[in-house]
Amino acid sequence: MASRRNIARVGRIRQKTVQRLEPQIKEALAPRFQFSAGTPHDFTAQGDLVVETTTGALKVSRLTTTQRDALTAAVGMIIYNTTDSKFQGYAGSSWVNLH
């Protein structure tokens, strides 16, 4: 079982990775999107990742059922299942349709 110290360390590593990549991601997405990835206090009402646009759309990963089942799934993952033609989310023990 992971210790609290290790869990905190992983959280700090993830945050540093996001902060390091943020300028590159912003440059790639600009000017079509407003992109923000910040510390939890920046986006407590909206989430840790905010993508806003008036000229495009968010595209989530498109996977077949076989590809989806090969993932190491985590609660909250969202995909578009091309086999079933459905948006799906991982709910902790199974994938569920999101409509």
C-alpha atoms as a PDB file:
ATOM      1  CA  MET A   1       0.000   0.000   0.000  1.00  0.00           C
ATOM      2  CA  ALA A   2       1.347   3.430  -0.943  1.00  0.00           C
ATOM      3  CA  SER A   3       2.341   5.675   1.899  1.00  0.00           C
ATOM      4  CA  ARG A   4       0.908   9.173   2.259  1.00  0.00           C
ATOM      5  CA  ARG A   5       4.378  10.564   1.607  1.00  0.00           C
ATOM      6  CA  ASN A   6       4.601   8.703  -1.719  1.00  0.00           C
ATOM      7  CA  ILE A   7       1.104   9.797  -2.718  1.00  0.00           C
ATOM      8  CA  ALA A   8       1.977  13.427  -1.940  1.00  0.00           C
ATOM      9  CA  ARG A   9       5.213  13.078  -3.946  1.00  0.00           C
ATOM     10  CA  VAL A  10       3.333  11.754  -6.981  1.00  0.00           C
ATOM     11  CA  GLY A  11       0.909  14.689  -6.717  1.00  0.00           C
ATOM     12  CA  ARG A  12       3.815  17.173  -6.678  1.00  0.00           C
ATOM     13  CA  ILE A  13       5.454  15.461  -9.670  1.00  0.00           C
ATOM     14  CA  ARG A  14       2.200  15.611 -11.648  1.00  0.00           C
ATOM     15  CA  GLN A  15       1.724  19.288 -10.808  1.00  0.00           C
ATOM     16  CA  LYS A  16       5.311  20.107 -11.859  1.00  0.00           C
ATOM     17  CA  THR A  17       4.812  18.217 -15.129  1.00  0.00           C
ATOM     18  CA  VAL A  18       1.653  20.203 -15.893  1.00  0.00           C
ATOM     19  CA  GLN A  19       3.398  23.479 -15.041  1.00  0.00           C
ATOM     20  CA  ARG A  20       6.391  22.566 -17.229  1.00  0.00           C
ATOM     21  CA  LEU A  21       4.219  21.597 -20.208  1.00  0.00           C
ATOM     22  CA  GLU A  22       1.649  24.382 -19.877  1.00  0.00           C
ATOM     23  CA  PRO A  23       3.505  26.935 -22.079  1.00  0.00           C
ATOM     24  CA  GLN A  24       3.972  24.357 -24.859  1.00  0.00           C
ATOM     25  CA  ILE A  25       0.333  23.276 -24.685  1.00  0.00           C
ATOM     26  CA  LYS A  26      -0.897  26.878 -24.726  1.00  0.00           C
ATOM     27  CA  GLU A  27       1.249  27.655 -27.769  1.00  0.00           C
ATOM     28  CA  ALA A  28      -0.037  24.596 -29.632  1.00  0.00           C
ATOM     29  CA  LEU A  29      -3.683  25.375 -28.889  1.00  0.00           C
ATOM     30  CA  ALA A  30      -3.609  29.158 -29.288  1.00  0.00           C
ATOM     31  CA  PRO A  31      -5.330  31.134 -30.669  1.00  0.00           C
ATOM     32  CA  ARG A  32      -8.367  28.855 -30.990  1.00  0.00           C
ATOM     33  CA  PHE A  33      -8.597  27.924 -27.306  1.00  0.00           C
ATOM     34  CA  GLN A  34      -8.248  29.502 -23.912  1.00  0.00           C
ATOM     35  CA  PHE A  35      -6.331  26.912 -21.912  1.00  0.00           C
ATOM     36  CA  SER A  36      -5.535  26.835 -18.210  1.00  0.00           C
ATOM     37  CA  ALA A  37      -3.926  24.219 -16.016  1.00  0.00           C
ATOM     38  CA  GLY A  38      -3.127  25.336 -12.535  1.00  0.00           C
ATOM     39  CA  THR A  39      -2.978  24.642  -8.887  1.00  0.00           C
ATOM     40  CA  PRO A  40      -6.193  23.451  -7.226  1.00  0.00           C
ATOM     41  CA  HIS A  41      -6.895  26.873  -5.688  1.00  0.00           C
ATOM     42  CA  ASP A  42      -7.000  28.416  -9.174  1.00  0.00           C
ATOM     43  CA  PHE A  43      -9.836  26.251 -10.469  1.00  0.00           C
ATOM     44  CA  THR A  44     -11.720  24.878  -7.480  1.00  0.00           C
ATOM     45  CA  ALA A  45     -15.101  25.669  -9.040  1.00  0.00           C
ATOM     46  CA  GLN A  46     -14.236  24.493 -12.545  1.00  0.00           C
ATOM     47  CA  GLY A  47     -11.663  21.707 -12.261  1.00  0.00           C
ATOM     48  CA  ASP A  48      -7.923  21.465 -12.768  1.00  0.00           C
ATOM     49  CA  LEU A  49      -8.103  21.721 -16.553  1.00  0.00           C
ATOM     50  CA  VAL A  50     -10.232  24.291 -18.342  1.00  0.00           C
ATOM     51  CA  VAL A  51     -10.529  24.442 -22.130  1.00  0.00           C
ATOM     52  CA  GLU A  52     -12.755  27.168 -23.551  1.00  0.00           C
ATOM     53  CA  THR A  53     -13.440  28.015 -27.189  1.00  0.00           C
ATOM     54  CA  THR A  54     -16.063  29.662 -29.346  1.00  0.00           C
ATOM     55  CA  THR A  55     -14.659  28.312 -32.612  1.00  0.00           C
ATOM     56  CA  GLY A  56     -13.977  24.626 -31.945  1.00  0.00           C
ATOM     57  CA  ALA A  57     -14.720  21.670 -29.730  1.00  0.00           C
ATOM     58  CA  LEU A  58     -13.054  19.333 -27.266  1.00  0.00           C
ATOM     59  CA  LYS A  59     -12.180  15.964 -28.771  1.00  0.00           C
ATOM     60  CA  VAL A  60     -11.754  13.089 -26.336  1.00  0.00           C
ATOM     61  CA  SER A  61      -9.855   9.874 -26.992  1.00  0.00           C
ATOM     62  CA  ARG A  62     -11.579   7.595 -29.506  1.00  0.00           C
ATOM     63  CA  LEU A  63     -11.047   3.912 -28.707  1.00  0.00           C
ATOM     64  CA  THR A  64     -12.541   0.578 -29.663  1.00  0.00           C
ATOM     65  CA  THR A  65     -13.876  -1.616 -26.880  1.00  0.00           C
ATOM     66  CA  THR A  66     -10.740  -3.770 -27.150  1.00  0.00           C
ATOM     67  CA  GLN A  67      -8.457  -0.733 -26.832  1.00  0.00           C
ATOM     68  CA  ARG A  68     -10.521   0.606 -23.912  1.00  0.00           C
ATOM     69  CA  ASP A  69     -10.324  -2.705 -22.072  1.00  0.00           C
ATOM     70  CA  ALA A  70      -6.525  -2.735 -22.470  1.00  0.00           C
ATOM     71  CA  LEU A  71      -6.246   0.551 -20.514  1.00  0.00           C
ATOM     72  CA  THR A  72      -5.280   0.740 -16.876  1.00  0.00           C
ATOM     73  CA  ALA A  73      -8.468   2.637 -16.096  1.00  0.00           C
ATOM     74  CA  ALA A  74      -8.824   5.260 -13.384  1.00  0.00           C
ATOM     75  CA  VAL A  75     -12.023   6.690 -11.951  1.00  0.00           C
ATOM     76  CA  GLY A  76     -13.171   9.660 -14.029  1.00  0.00           C
ATOM     77  CA  MET A  77     -11.610   8.676 -17.359  1.00  0.00           C
ATOM     78  CA  ILE A  78     -13.788   9.620 -20.337  1.00  0.00           C
ATOM     79  CA  ILE A  79     -13.548   8.165 -23.845  1.00  0.00           C
ATOM     80  CA  TYR A  80     -15.614   7.836 -27.013  1.00  0.00           C
ATOM     81  CA  ASN A  81     -16.133   4.135 -27.727  1.00  0.00           C
ATOM     82  CA  THR A  82     -16.076   3.714 -31.518  1.00  0.00           C
ATOM     83  CA  THR A  83     -17.342   0.124 -31.310  1.00  0.00           C
ATOM     84  CA  ASP A  84     -20.526   1.156 -29.469  1.00  0.00           C
ATOM     85  CA  SER A  85     -20.691   4.766 -30.755  1.00  0.00           C
ATOM     86  CA  LYS A  86     -21.052   6.019 -27.166  1.00  0.00           C
ATOM     87  CA  PHE A  87     -19.296   8.338 -24.754  1.00  0.00           C
ATOM     88  CA  GLN A  88     -18.188   6.284 -21.752  1.00  0.00           C
ATOM     89  CA  GLY A  89     -16.691   6.999 -18.357  1.00  0.00           C
ATOM     90  CA  TYR A  90     -14.914   4.765 -15.877  1.00  0.00           C
ATOM     91  CA  ALA A  91     -16.889   4.590 -12.623  1.00  0.00           C
ATOM     92  CA  GLY A  92     -14.457   2.636 -10.470  1.00  0.00           C
ATOM     93  CA  SER A  93     -15.345  -0.904 -11.351  1.00  0.00           C
ATOM     94  CA  SER A  94     -16.734  -0.637 -14.879  1.00  0.00           C
ATOM     95  CA  TRP A  95     -17.188   1.592 -17.908  1.00  0.00           C
ATOM     96  CA  VAL A  96     -20.605   3.235 -18.107  1.00  0.00           C
ATOM     97  CA  ASN A  97     -22.381   5.016 -20.946  1.00  0.00           C
ATOM     98  CA  LEU A  98     -22.590   8.769 -20.392  1.00  0.00           C
ATOM     99  CA  HIS A  99     -25.895   9.598 -22.008  1.00  0.00           C
END
